[in-house]
């Protein structure tokens, strides 16, 4: 069995889309997870300008690539976030930020996510990956003490804001794959359960499985993929490594990526703490048949060297054959 290997373009948004297509095709990637950043994909232009999407498709075709997913992580972050501040202004399109009024930003971000579903359908892909934001992430330190009612209201806010978005996803035949990640409404095992419950487990909302975000939280990412197997709609692969030595902390100490004093960091694929072979074996066992998308975030390696190396590593993993049916029973028993 061999599954597609794609490149997530979010960390390449400083380059023109055509150049990224040329690089990815030259290295041997099968397609892209296209970020709504730089000139890679502009949701507003895609809906307003005749020929915009056909030109993007022509570039993909020219290089023998396919759009397997669209990413709108940055705008999705603003749908639920509190507070909305200068950090959001730095990552959002000017039309979404506008005057910076927090609720206006949230409403415009929600409208953009609806349009993203429409663009995905027009481009011929049925997966949008991204973040949700969270009105309660700022309370995660739990001091001052946080009443249970505040947390409950956070999940209610999430459902109120995302259900109308997901209604459009349903209409367009597209699914949203939320990346479980610190800073989001679902950032670990139990918050994922609670987020799904808040939406009454509607099928339009699933998960973008990225094991790197589980490493510094000491979470069982293989067990997570198994338990949420019906919700794994897309997979991103990047590696992470803990560097805990009594001084370096798990929370990163407000230090920049790549700083040796951090307690964890992203590293090149195969050089961290993630069992990628185990990930692929579990994905095979749950019959996930989508792509493995390489996301490049190693601050210590040139991406032009790392991206082709990552492709070779993931290509070998993607060829691992599905297990016998008995493996399902054994894995379930162990987890």
C-alpha atoms as a PDB file:
ATOM      1  CA  UNK A   1       0.000   0.000   0.000  1.00  0.00           C
ATOM      2  CA  UNK A   2       1.303   3.488  -0.830  1.00  0.00           C
ATOM      3  CA  UNK A   3      -0.568   6.636   0.087  1.00  0.00           C
ATOM      4  CA  UNK A   4      -0.054  10.193  -1.247  1.00  0.00           C
ATOM      5  CA  UNK A   5       2.575  12.384   0.400  1.00  0.00           C
ATOM      6  CA  UNK A   6       1.863  16.105   0.258  1.00  0.00           C
ATOM      7  CA  UNK A   7       3.564  19.334   1.299  1.00  0.00           C
ATOM      8  CA  UNK A   8       1.837  21.848   3.555  1.00  0.00           C
ATOM      9  CA  UNK A   9       2.516  25.260   2.029  1.00  0.00           C
ATOM     10  CA  UNK A  10       2.035  27.381   5.166  1.00  0.00           C
ATOM     11  CA  UNK A  11       5.759  27.620   5.893  1.00  0.00           C
ATOM     12  CA  UNK A  12       6.435  28.473   2.228  1.00  0.00           C
ATOM     13  CA  UNK A  13       4.030  31.392   1.897  1.00  0.00           C
ATOM     14  CA  UNK A  14       6.915  33.825   1.397  1.00  0.00           C
ATOM     15  CA  UNK A  15       7.483  32.168  -1.994  1.00  0.00           C
ATOM     16  CA  UNK A  16       5.155  32.528  -4.985  1.00  0.00           C
ATOM     17  CA  UNK A  17       2.722  29.653  -5.370  1.00  0.00           C
ATOM     18  CA  UNK A  18       4.168  28.707  -8.749  1.00  0.00           C
ATOM     19  CA  UNK A  19       7.648  28.387  -7.237  1.00  0.00           C
ATOM     20  CA  UNK A  20       6.341  26.168  -4.438  1.00  0.00           C
ATOM     21  CA  UNK A  21       4.594  23.972  -7.008  1.00  0.00           C
ATOM     22  CA  UNK A  22       7.823  23.690  -8.988  1.00  0.00           C
ATOM     23  CA  UNK A  23       9.830  22.776  -5.870  1.00  0.00           C
ATOM     24  CA  UNK A  24       7.316  20.237  -4.577  1.00  0.00           C
ATOM     25  CA  UNK A  25       6.969  18.550  -7.954  1.00  0.00           C
ATOM     26  CA  UNK A  26      10.725  18.481  -8.454  1.00  0.00           C
ATOM     27  CA  UNK A  27      11.212  16.734  -5.139  1.00  0.00           C
ATOM     28  CA  UNK A  28       8.483  14.212  -5.948  1.00  0.00           C
ATOM     29  CA  UNK A  29       5.535  15.247  -3.781  1.00  0.00           C
ATOM     30  CA  UNK A  30       2.132  14.043  -4.966  1.00  0.00           C
ATOM     31  CA  UNK A  31       0.282  17.218  -4.102  1.00  0.00           C
ATOM     32  CA  UNK A  32      -0.232  20.056  -1.666  1.00  0.00           C
ATOM     33  CA  UNK A  33      -2.099  21.068   1.426  1.00  0.00           C
ATOM     34  CA  UNK A  34      -2.595  24.630   0.230  1.00  0.00           C
ATOM     35  CA  UNK A  35      -2.481  27.373   2.842  1.00  0.00           C
ATOM     36  CA  UNK A  36      -4.623  30.485   2.524  1.00  0.00           C
ATOM     37  CA  UNK A  37      -1.479  32.602   2.903  1.00  0.00           C
ATOM     38  CA  UNK A  38       0.718  34.698   0.638  1.00  0.00           C
ATOM     39  CA  UNK A  39      -0.396  34.312  -2.941  1.00  0.00           C
ATOM     40  CA  UNK A  40      -1.066  30.588  -2.510  1.00  0.00           C
ATOM     41  CA  UNK A  41      -4.819  30.925  -2.072  1.00  0.00           C
ATOM     42  CA  UNK A  42      -6.908  34.017  -1.412  1.00  0.00           C
ATOM     43  CA  UNK A  43     -10.452  33.028  -0.474  1.00  0.00           C
ATOM     44  CA  UNK A  44     -12.004  36.379  -1.367  1.00  0.00           C
ATOM     45  CA  UNK A  45     -10.341  36.500  -4.795  1.00  0.00           C
ATOM     46  CA  UNK A  46     -11.251  32.879  -5.451  1.00  0.00           C
ATOM     47  CA  UNK A  47     -14.939  33.723  -5.150  1.00  0.00           C
ATOM     48  CA  UNK A  48     -14.857  37.184  -6.696  1.00  0.00           C
ATOM     49  CA  UNK A  49     -12.484  36.893  -9.643  1.00  0.00           C
ATOM     50  CA  UNK A  50     -13.433  34.746 -12.655  1.00  0.00           C
ATOM     51  CA  UNK A  51     -10.567  32.527 -13.650  1.00  0.00           C
ATOM     52  CA  UNK A  52      -8.728  32.752 -10.324  1.00  0.00           C
ATOM     53  CA  UNK A  53      -9.267  29.122  -9.316  1.00  0.00           C
ATOM     54  CA  UNK A  54      -8.845  27.800 -12.831  1.00  0.00           C
ATOM     55  CA  UNK A  55      -5.433  29.492 -12.922  1.00  0.00           C
ATOM     56  CA  UNK A  56      -4.474  27.783  -9.660  1.00  0.00           C
ATOM     57  CA  UNK A  57      -5.651  24.457 -11.009  1.00  0.00           C
ATOM     58  CA  UNK A  58      -3.662  25.019 -14.187  1.00  0.00           C
ATOM     59  CA  UNK A  59      -0.493  25.518 -12.126  1.00  0.00           C
ATOM     60  CA  UNK A  60      -1.159  22.306 -10.229  1.00  0.00           C
ATOM     61  CA  UNK A  61      -1.806  20.422 -13.451  1.00  0.00           C
ATOM     62  CA  UNK A  62       1.329  21.853 -15.045  1.00  0.00           C
ATOM     63  CA  UNK A  63       3.439  20.342 -12.273  1.00  0.00           C
ATOM     64  CA  UNK A  64       1.495  17.104 -11.901  1.00  0.00           C
ATOM     65  CA  UNK A  65       0.180  18.008  -8.462  1.00  0.00           C
ATOM     66  CA  UNK A  66      -3.206  17.749  -6.785  1.00  0.00           C
ATOM     67  CA  UNK A  67      -4.827  19.887  -4.095  1.00  0.00           C
ATOM     68  CA  UNK A  68      -5.563  17.349  -1.374  1.00  0.00           C
ATOM     69  CA  UNK A  69      -6.624  19.890   1.283  1.00  0.00           C
ATOM     70  CA  UNK A  70      -6.926  23.599   1.952  1.00  0.00           C
ATOM     71  CA  UNK A  71      -5.590  25.090   5.172  1.00  0.00           C
ATOM     72  CA  UNK A  72      -7.096  28.186   6.772  1.00  0.00           C
ATOM     73  CA  UNK A  73      -5.499  27.899  10.199  1.00  0.00           C
ATOM     74  CA  UNK A  74      -4.814  31.603  10.645  1.00  0.00           C
ATOM     75  CA  UNK A  75      -8.308  32.920  10.004  1.00  0.00           C
ATOM     76  CA  UNK A  76      -9.860  29.993  11.872  1.00  0.00           C
ATOM     77  CA  UNK A  77      -7.883  31.022  14.944  1.00  0.00           C
ATOM     78  CA  UNK A  78      -9.815  34.287  15.116  1.00  0.00           C
ATOM     79  CA  UNK A  79     -13.289  32.716  15.096  1.00  0.00           C
ATOM     80  CA  UNK A  80     -13.356  32.025  18.844  1.00  0.00           C
ATOM     81  CA  UNK A  81     -10.261  33.675  20.282  1.00  0.00           C
ATOM     82  CA  UNK A  82     -10.266  35.943  23.315  1.00  0.00           C
ATOM     83  CA  UNK A  83      -8.590  38.329  23.515  1.00  0.00           C
ATOM     84  CA  UNK A  84      -8.292  39.529  19.932  1.00  0.00           C
ATOM     85  CA  UNK A  85      -5.177  41.713  19.827  1.00  0.00           C
ATOM     86  CA  UNK A  86      -2.055  42.668  17.891  1.00  0.00           C
ATOM     87  CA  UNK A  87      -1.064  39.012  17.500  1.00  0.00           C
ATOM     88  CA  UNK A  88      -4.130  38.460  15.331  1.00  0.00           C
ATOM     89  CA  UNK A  89      -3.520  41.599  13.310  1.00  0.00           C
ATOM     90  CA  UNK A  90      -0.128  40.135  12.376  1.00  0.00           C
ATOM     91  CA  UNK A  91      -1.597  36.911  10.962  1.00  0.00           C
ATOM     92  CA  UNK A  92      -4.928  37.979   9.464  1.00  0.00           C
ATOM     93  CA  UNK A  93      -5.724  39.455   6.057  1.00  0.00           C
ATOM     94  CA  UNK A  94      -6.384  43.197   6.312  1.00  0.00           C
ATOM     95  CA  UNK A  95     -10.003  42.676   5.270  1.00  0.00           C
ATOM     96  CA  UNK A  96     -10.562  40.381   8.270  1.00  0.00           C
ATOM     97  CA  UNK A  97      -8.808  42.655  10.755  1.00  0.00           C
ATOM     98  CA  UNK A  98     -10.402  45.871   9.350  1.00  0.00           C
ATOM     99  CA  UNK A  99     -10.888  48.216  12.332  1.00  0.00           C
ATOM    100  CA  UNK A 100      -9.769  45.592  14.846  1.00  0.00           C
ATOM    101  CA  UNK A 101     -13.030  45.529  16.794  1.00  0.00           C
ATOM    102  CA  UNK A 102     -12.804  42.075  18.446  1.00  0.00           C
ATOM    103  CA  UNK A 103     -16.313  40.885  17.731  1.00  0.00           C
ATOM    104  CA  UNK A 104     -16.159  42.244  14.204  1.00  0.00           C
ATOM    105  CA  UNK A 105     -12.943  40.301  13.638  1.00  0.00           C
ATOM    106  CA  UNK A 106     -14.593  37.110  14.905  1.00  0.00           C
ATOM    107  CA  UNK A 107     -17.626  37.578  12.680  1.00  0.00           C
ATOM    108  CA  UNK A 108     -15.546  38.304   9.582  1.00  0.00           C
ATOM    109  CA  UNK A 109     -13.334  35.298  10.336  1.00  0.00           C
ATOM    110  CA  UNK A 110     -16.424  33.078  10.610  1.00  0.00           C
ATOM    111  CA  UNK A 111     -17.710  34.360   7.263  1.00  0.00           C
ATOM    112  CA  UNK A 112     -14.307  33.619   5.708  1.00  0.00           C
ATOM    113  CA  UNK A 113     -14.388  30.032   6.983  1.00  0.00           C
ATOM    114  CA  UNK A 114     -17.782  29.577   5.339  1.00  0.00           C
ATOM    115  CA  UNK A 115     -16.334  30.896   2.105  1.00  0.00           C
ATOM    116  CA  UNK A 116     -13.343  28.587   2.505  1.00  0.00           C
ATOM    117  CA  UNK A 117     -15.696  25.613   2.337  1.00  0.00           C
ATOM    118  CA  UNK A 118     -17.144  27.024  -0.879  1.00  0.00           C
ATOM    119  CA  UNK A 119     -13.674  27.497  -2.360  1.00  0.00           C
ATOM    120  CA  UNK A 120     -12.613  23.990  -1.357  1.00  0.00           C
ATOM    121  CA  UNK A 121     -15.620  22.527  -3.123  1.00  0.00           C
ATOM    122  CA  UNK A 122     -14.922  24.615  -6.225  1.00  0.00           C
ATOM    123  CA  UNK A 123     -11.284  23.448  -6.216  1.00  0.00           C
ATOM    124  CA  UNK A 124     -12.372  19.832  -5.952  1.00  0.00           C
ATOM    125  CA  UNK A 125     -11.177  19.019  -2.448  1.00  0.00           C
ATOM    126  CA  UNK A 126     -13.387  18.019   0.448  1.00  0.00           C
ATOM    127  CA  UNK A 127     -11.054  18.791   3.388  1.00  0.00           C
ATOM    128  CA  UNK A 128     -10.283  22.120   5.058  1.00  0.00           C
ATOM    129  CA  UNK A 129      -7.703  21.949   7.837  1.00  0.00           C
ATOM    130  CA  UNK A 130      -7.352  24.598  10.486  1.00  0.00           C
ATOM    131  CA  UNK A 131      -7.689  25.975  13.974  1.00  0.00           C
ATOM    132  CA  UNK A 132     -10.817  27.018  15.851  1.00  0.00           C
ATOM    133  CA  UNK A 133      -9.445  29.483  18.370  1.00  0.00           C
ATOM    134  CA  UNK A 134     -10.686  29.416  21.944  1.00  0.00           C
ATOM    135  CA  UNK A 135     -12.319  31.903  24.285  1.00  0.00           C
ATOM    136  CA  UNK A 136     -10.987  29.978  27.312  1.00  0.00           C
ATOM    137  CA  UNK A 137      -7.397  29.054  26.409  1.00  0.00           C
ATOM    138  CA  UNK A 138      -6.174  32.070  28.387  1.00  0.00           C
ATOM    139  CA  UNK A 139      -7.555  30.372  31.523  1.00  0.00           C
ATOM    140  CA  UNK A 140      -5.484  27.198  31.084  1.00  0.00           C
ATOM    141  CA  UNK A 141      -3.060  28.138  33.888  1.00  0.00           C
ATOM    142  CA  UNK A 142      -6.075  27.864  36.222  1.00  0.00           C
ATOM    143  CA  UNK A 143      -5.092  30.855  38.363  1.00  0.00           C
ATOM    144  CA  UNK A 144      -6.870  32.884  39.402  1.00  0.00           C
ATOM    145  CA  UNK A 145      -9.241  29.953  39.929  1.00  0.00           C
ATOM    146  CA  UNK A 146     -11.607  29.428  37.011  1.00  0.00           C
ATOM    147  CA  UNK A 147     -15.242  28.585  37.760  1.00  0.00           C
ATOM    148  CA  UNK A 148     -16.603  25.564  35.922  1.00  0.00           C
ATOM    149  CA  UNK A 149     -19.279  27.841  34.470  1.00  0.00           C
ATOM    150  CA  UNK A 150     -16.608  29.832  32.607  1.00  0.00           C
ATOM    151  CA  UNK A 151     -15.256  26.685  30.972  1.00  0.00           C
ATOM    152  CA  UNK A 152     -18.741  25.503  30.090  1.00  0.00           C
ATOM    153  CA  UNK A 153     -19.491  28.849  28.521  1.00  0.00           C
ATOM    154  CA  UNK A 154     -16.332  28.498  26.444  1.00  0.00           C
ATOM    155  CA  UNK A 155     -17.602  25.310  24.841  1.00  0.00           C
ATOM    156  CA  UNK A 156     -21.026  26.859  24.330  1.00  0.00           C
ATOM    157  CA  UNK A 157     -19.375  29.809  22.575  1.00  0.00           C
ATOM    158  CA  UNK A 158     -17.428  27.393  20.375  1.00  0.00           C
ATOM    159  CA  UNK A 159     -20.612  25.569  19.361  1.00  0.00           C
ATOM    160  CA  UNK A 160     -22.534  28.789  18.731  1.00  0.00           C
ATOM    161  CA  UNK A 161     -19.827  30.128  16.452  1.00  0.00           C
ATOM    162  CA  UNK A 162     -18.887  26.933  14.622  1.00  0.00           C
ATOM    163  CA  UNK A 163     -22.253  25.268  14.006  1.00  0.00           C
ATOM    164  CA  UNK A 164     -23.310  27.911  11.434  1.00  0.00           C
ATOM    165  CA  UNK A 165     -19.916  27.498   9.736  1.00  0.00           C
ATOM    166  CA  UNK A 166     -20.335  23.738   9.643  1.00  0.00           C
ATOM    167  CA  UNK A 167     -23.806  24.134   8.144  1.00  0.00           C
ATOM    168  CA  UNK A 168     -22.098  25.596   5.069  1.00  0.00           C
ATOM    169  CA  UNK A 169     -19.521  22.797   5.109  1.00  0.00           C
ATOM    170  CA  UNK A 170     -22.396  20.297   5.018  1.00  0.00           C
ATOM    171  CA  UNK A 171     -24.038  22.127   2.132  1.00  0.00           C
ATOM    172  CA  UNK A 172     -20.792  22.090   0.149  1.00  0.00           C
ATOM    173  CA  UNK A 173     -19.915  18.466   0.945  1.00  0.00           C
ATOM    174  CA  UNK A 174     -16.713  19.531   2.712  1.00  0.00           C
ATOM    175  CA  UNK A 175     -15.379  18.537   6.151  1.00  0.00           C
ATOM    176  CA  UNK A 176     -13.356  20.592   8.621  1.00  0.00           C
ATOM    177  CA  UNK A 177     -10.301  18.912  10.158  1.00  0.00           C
ATOM    178  CA  UNK A 178      -9.353  20.684  13.385  1.00  0.00           C
ATOM    179  CA  UNK A 179      -5.703  20.492  14.394  1.00  0.00           C
ATOM    180  CA  UNK A 180      -5.557  19.530  18.072  1.00  0.00           C
ATOM    181  CA  UNK A 181      -3.041  22.065  19.319  1.00  0.00           C
ATOM    182  CA  UNK A 182      -2.283  24.245  22.355  1.00  0.00           C
ATOM    183  CA  UNK A 183      -4.212  27.486  22.024  1.00  0.00           C
ATOM    184  CA  UNK A 184      -7.339  25.816  20.629  1.00  0.00           C
ATOM    185  CA  UNK A 185     -10.663  24.706  22.086  1.00  0.00           C
ATOM    186  CA  UNK A 186      -9.428  21.099  21.658  1.00  0.00           C
ATOM    187  CA  UNK A 187      -5.764  20.810  22.586  1.00  0.00           C
ATOM    188  CA  UNK A 188      -5.517  17.366  24.248  1.00  0.00           C
ATOM    189  CA  UNK A 189      -7.477  14.148  24.726  1.00  0.00           C
ATOM    190  CA  UNK A 190     -10.232  15.297  27.080  1.00  0.00           C
ATOM    191  CA  UNK A 191     -10.761  18.689  25.461  1.00  0.00           C
ATOM    192  CA  UNK A 192     -11.171  16.917  22.124  1.00  0.00           C
ATOM    193  CA  UNK A 193     -13.895  14.757  23.627  1.00  0.00           C
ATOM    194  CA  UNK A 194     -15.603  17.819  25.023  1.00  0.00           C
ATOM    195  CA  UNK A 195     -15.369  19.804  21.787  1.00  0.00           C
ATOM    196  CA  UNK A 196     -16.905  16.970  19.773  1.00  0.00           C
ATOM    197  CA  UNK A 197     -19.694  16.648  22.343  1.00  0.00           C
ATOM    198  CA  UNK A 198     -20.359  20.397  22.187  1.00  0.00           C
ATOM    199  CA  UNK A 199     -21.129  19.955  18.469  1.00  0.00           C
ATOM    200  CA  UNK A 200     -23.240  16.844  19.072  1.00  0.00           C
ATOM    201  CA  UNK A 201     -20.589  14.853  17.202  1.00  0.00           C
ATOM    202  CA  UNK A 202     -21.693  16.187  13.838  1.00  0.00           C
ATOM    203  CA  UNK A 203     -19.710  14.562  10.995  1.00  0.00           C
ATOM    204  CA  UNK A 204     -18.662  17.856   9.404  1.00  0.00           C
ATOM    205  CA  UNK A 205     -16.165  18.426  12.222  1.00  0.00           C
ATOM    206  CA  UNK A 206     -13.215  16.082  12.549  1.00  0.00           C
ATOM    207  CA  UNK A 207      -9.505  16.139  13.258  1.00  0.00           C
ATOM    208  CA  UNK A 208      -6.224  16.930  11.564  1.00  0.00           C
ATOM    209  CA  UNK A 209      -3.897  14.474  13.323  1.00  0.00           C
ATOM    210  CA  UNK A 210      -0.443  15.953  14.002  1.00  0.00           C
ATOM    211  CA  UNK A 211       1.489  13.926  16.599  1.00  0.00           C
ATOM    212  CA  UNK A 212       4.067  16.667  17.209  1.00  0.00           C
ATOM    213  CA  UNK A 213       1.651  18.633  19.396  1.00  0.00           C
ATOM    214  CA  UNK A 214       1.269  15.687  21.739  1.00  0.00           C
ATOM    215  CA  UNK A 215       4.966  15.243  22.553  1.00  0.00           C
ATOM    216  CA  UNK A 216       5.542  18.013  25.067  1.00  0.00           C
ATOM    217  CA  UNK A 217       2.186  17.293  26.694  1.00  0.00           C
ATOM    218  CA  UNK A 218       3.242  13.646  27.288  1.00  0.00           C
ATOM    219  CA  UNK A 219       0.130  12.380  25.515  1.00  0.00           C
ATOM    220  CA  UNK A 220      -0.283   9.013  23.822  1.00  0.00           C
ATOM    221  CA  UNK A 221      -0.715  10.090  20.207  1.00  0.00           C
ATOM    222  CA  UNK A 222      -1.099   6.497  18.982  1.00  0.00           C
ATOM    223  CA  UNK A 223      -3.901   5.847  21.440  1.00  0.00           C
ATOM    224  CA  UNK A 224      -5.449   9.191  20.509  1.00  0.00           C
ATOM    225  CA  UNK A 225      -5.520   8.258  16.829  1.00  0.00           C
ATOM    226  CA  UNK A 226      -7.088   4.918  17.701  1.00  0.00           C
ATOM    227  CA  UNK A 227      -9.747   6.299  20.042  1.00  0.00           C
ATOM    228  CA  UNK A 228     -10.724   9.077  17.638  1.00  0.00           C
ATOM    229  CA  UNK A 229     -10.304   6.889  14.557  1.00  0.00           C
ATOM    230  CA  UNK A 230     -13.646   7.858  13.051  1.00  0.00           C
ATOM    231  CA  UNK A 231     -12.651  11.541  13.185  1.00  0.00           C
ATOM    232  CA  UNK A 232      -9.190  11.455  11.617  1.00  0.00           C
ATOM    233  CA  UNK A 233      -9.885  13.353   8.394  1.00  0.00           C
ATOM    234  CA  UNK A 234      -6.363  14.509   7.566  1.00  0.00           C
ATOM    235  CA  UNK A 235      -2.785  13.939   8.789  1.00  0.00           C
ATOM    236  CA  UNK A 236       0.138  16.353   9.146  1.00  0.00           C
ATOM    237  CA  UNK A 237       3.604  14.989   9.918  1.00  0.00           C
ATOM    238  CA  UNK A 238       6.307  16.996  11.650  1.00  0.00           C
ATOM    239  CA  UNK A 239       8.654  15.853  14.390  1.00  0.00           C
ATOM    240  CA  UNK A 240       9.228  17.237  17.884  1.00  0.00           C
ATOM    241  CA  UNK A 241      11.796  16.551  20.556  1.00  0.00           C
ATOM    242  CA  UNK A 242      11.813  17.217  24.288  1.00  0.00           C
ATOM    243  CA  UNK A 243      14.898  18.860  25.766  1.00  0.00           C
ATOM    244  CA  UNK A 244      14.145  18.773  29.485  1.00  0.00           C
ATOM    245  CA  UNK A 245      17.230  19.146  31.660  1.00  0.00           C
ATOM    246  CA  UNK A 246      16.029  20.713  34.892  1.00  0.00           C
ATOM    247  CA  UNK A 247      16.219  24.228  33.462  1.00  0.00           C
ATOM    248  CA  UNK A 248      14.367  23.970  30.173  1.00  0.00           C
ATOM    249  CA  UNK A 249      10.602  23.960  30.694  1.00  0.00           C
ATOM    250  CA  UNK A 250       7.749  22.331  28.811  1.00  0.00           C
ATOM    251  CA  UNK A 251       6.034  25.666  28.206  1.00  0.00           C
ATOM    252  CA  UNK A 252       8.981  27.045  26.235  1.00  0.00           C
ATOM    253  CA  UNK A 253       9.768  29.993  28.550  1.00  0.00           C
ATOM    254  CA  UNK A 254       8.655  32.549  25.927  1.00  0.00           C
ATOM    255  CA  UNK A 255      11.785  31.689  23.921  1.00  0.00           C
ATOM    256  CA  UNK A 256      11.937  31.658  20.132  1.00  0.00           C
ATOM    257  CA  UNK A 257      11.747  28.445  18.110  1.00  0.00           C
ATOM    258  CA  UNK A 258      15.175  26.840  17.862  1.00  0.00           C
ATOM    259  CA  UNK A 259      16.489  28.367  21.087  1.00  0.00           C
ATOM    260  CA  UNK A 260      18.511  25.694  22.919  1.00  0.00           C
ATOM    261  CA  UNK A 261      16.967  26.759  26.233  1.00  0.00           C
ATOM    262  CA  UNK A 262      13.501  25.588  25.222  1.00  0.00           C
ATOM    263  CA  UNK A 263      12.174  22.407  26.790  1.00  0.00           C
ATOM    264  CA  UNK A 264      10.938  21.132  23.430  1.00  0.00           C
ATOM    265  CA  UNK A 265      11.077  22.093  19.802  1.00  0.00           C
ATOM    266  CA  UNK A 266      10.201  20.967  16.301  1.00  0.00           C
ATOM    267  CA  UNK A 267      12.984  19.051  14.556  1.00  0.00           C
ATOM    268  CA  UNK A 268      13.505  17.446  11.165  1.00  0.00           C
ATOM    269  CA  UNK A 269      11.455  14.348  10.531  1.00  0.00           C
ATOM    270  CA  UNK A 270      12.952  11.225  12.069  1.00  0.00           C
ATOM    271  CA  UNK A 271      15.211  13.098  14.497  1.00  0.00           C
ATOM    272  CA  UNK A 272      12.713  13.604  17.299  1.00  0.00           C
ATOM    273  CA  UNK A 273      10.638  11.614  19.753  1.00  0.00           C
ATOM    274  CA  UNK A 274       7.770  10.555  17.473  1.00  0.00           C
ATOM    275  CA  UNK A 275       7.260   6.952  16.413  1.00  0.00           C
ATOM    276  CA  UNK A 276       6.188   7.656  12.836  1.00  0.00           C
ATOM    277  CA  UNK A 277       6.153   3.990  11.888  1.00  0.00           C
ATOM    278  CA  UNK A 278       3.739   3.399  14.752  1.00  0.00           C
ATOM    279  CA  UNK A 279       1.622   6.310  13.516  1.00  0.00           C
ATOM    280  CA  UNK A 280       1.358   4.873  10.024  1.00  0.00           C
ATOM    281  CA  UNK A 281       0.552   1.403  11.341  1.00  0.00           C
ATOM    282  CA  UNK A 282      -2.276   2.829  13.434  1.00  0.00           C
ATOM    283  CA  UNK A 283      -3.522   4.935  10.523  1.00  0.00           C
ATOM    284  CA  UNK A 284      -3.551   1.814   8.374  1.00  0.00           C
ATOM    285  CA  UNK A 285      -5.395  -0.105  11.056  1.00  0.00           C
ATOM    286  CA  UNK A 286      -8.157   2.527  11.195  1.00  0.00           C
ATOM    287  CA  UNK A 287      -8.413   2.572   7.384  1.00  0.00           C
ATOM    288  CA  UNK A 288      -7.313   6.173   7.011  1.00  0.00           C
ATOM    289  CA  UNK A 289      -6.779   6.502   3.266  1.00  0.00           C
ATOM    290  CA  UNK A 290      -5.862  10.167   2.952  1.00  0.00           C
ATOM    291  CA  UNK A 291      -2.481  11.815   2.430  1.00  0.00           C
ATOM    292  CA  UNK A 292       0.424  12.265   4.815  1.00  0.00           C
ATOM    293  CA  UNK A 293       1.209  15.975   4.670  1.00  0.00           C
ATOM    294  CA  UNK A 294       4.737  17.119   5.509  1.00  0.00           C
ATOM    295  CA  UNK A 295       4.779  20.314   7.584  1.00  0.00           C
ATOM    296  CA  UNK A 296       8.226  21.879   7.808  1.00  0.00           C
ATOM    297  CA  UNK A 297       9.004  23.834  11.021  1.00  0.00           C
ATOM    298  CA  UNK A 298      12.580  22.907  11.969  1.00  0.00           C
ATOM    299  CA  UNK A 299      14.292  26.225  12.750  1.00  0.00           C
ATOM    300  CA  UNK A 300      17.690  24.548  12.671  1.00  0.00           C
ATOM    301  CA  UNK A 301      17.678  23.117   9.144  1.00  0.00           C
ATOM    302  CA  UNK A 302      17.386  24.716   5.737  1.00  0.00           C
ATOM    303  CA  UNK A 303      13.914  23.864   4.433  1.00  0.00           C
ATOM    304  CA  UNK A 304      15.302  23.300   0.936  1.00  0.00           C
ATOM    305  CA  UNK A 305      17.299  20.416   2.397  1.00  0.00           C
ATOM    306  CA  UNK A 306      14.727  19.267   4.909  1.00  0.00           C
ATOM    307  CA  UNK A 307      11.633  19.081   2.707  1.00  0.00           C
ATOM    308  CA  UNK A 308      13.053  16.534   0.218  1.00  0.00           C
ATOM    309  CA  UNK A 309      14.608  14.529   3.060  1.00  0.00           C
ATOM    310  CA  UNK A 310      11.244  14.459   4.849  1.00  0.00           C
ATOM    311  CA  UNK A 311       9.557  13.301   1.655  1.00  0.00           C
ATOM    312  CA  UNK A 312      11.928  10.346   1.366  1.00  0.00           C
ATOM    313  CA  UNK A 313      11.314   9.347   4.974  1.00  0.00           C
ATOM    314  CA  UNK A 314       7.539   9.644   4.717  1.00  0.00           C
ATOM    315  CA  UNK A 315       7.473   7.908   1.326  1.00  0.00           C
ATOM    316  CA  UNK A 316       9.040   4.831   2.919  1.00  0.00           C
ATOM    317  CA  UNK A 317       6.524   4.962   5.770  1.00  0.00           C
ATOM    318  CA  UNK A 318       3.605   5.404   3.372  1.00  0.00           C
ATOM    319  CA  UNK A 319       4.422   2.056   1.796  1.00  0.00           C
ATOM    320  CA  UNK A 320       3.837   0.098   5.023  1.00  0.00           C
ATOM    321  CA  UNK A 321       1.146  -2.495   4.375  1.00  0.00           C
ATOM    322  CA  UNK A 322      -2.103  -2.531   6.368  1.00  0.00           C
ATOM    323  CA  UNK A 323      -2.146  -5.033   9.248  1.00  0.00           C
ATOM    324  CA  UNK A 324      -4.142  -8.198   9.534  1.00  0.00           C
ATOM    325  CA  UNK A 325      -7.560  -7.764  11.085  1.00  0.00           C
ATOM    326  CA  UNK A 326      -6.286  -9.294  14.310  1.00  0.00           C
ATOM    327  CA  UNK A 327      -4.018  -6.258  14.830  1.00  0.00           C
ATOM    328  CA  UNK A 328      -7.083  -4.132  15.546  1.00  0.00           C
ATOM    329  CA  UNK A 329      -7.999  -6.332  18.486  1.00  0.00           C
ATOM    330  CA  UNK A 330      -4.446  -6.375  19.827  1.00  0.00           C
ATOM    331  CA  UNK A 331      -4.028  -2.609  19.564  1.00  0.00           C
ATOM    332  CA  UNK A 332      -7.356  -1.992  21.242  1.00  0.00           C
ATOM    333  CA  UNK A 333      -6.395  -4.298  24.106  1.00  0.00           C
ATOM    334  CA  UNK A 334      -3.100  -2.454  24.649  1.00  0.00           C
ATOM    335  CA  UNK A 335      -4.689   0.991  24.684  1.00  0.00           C
END
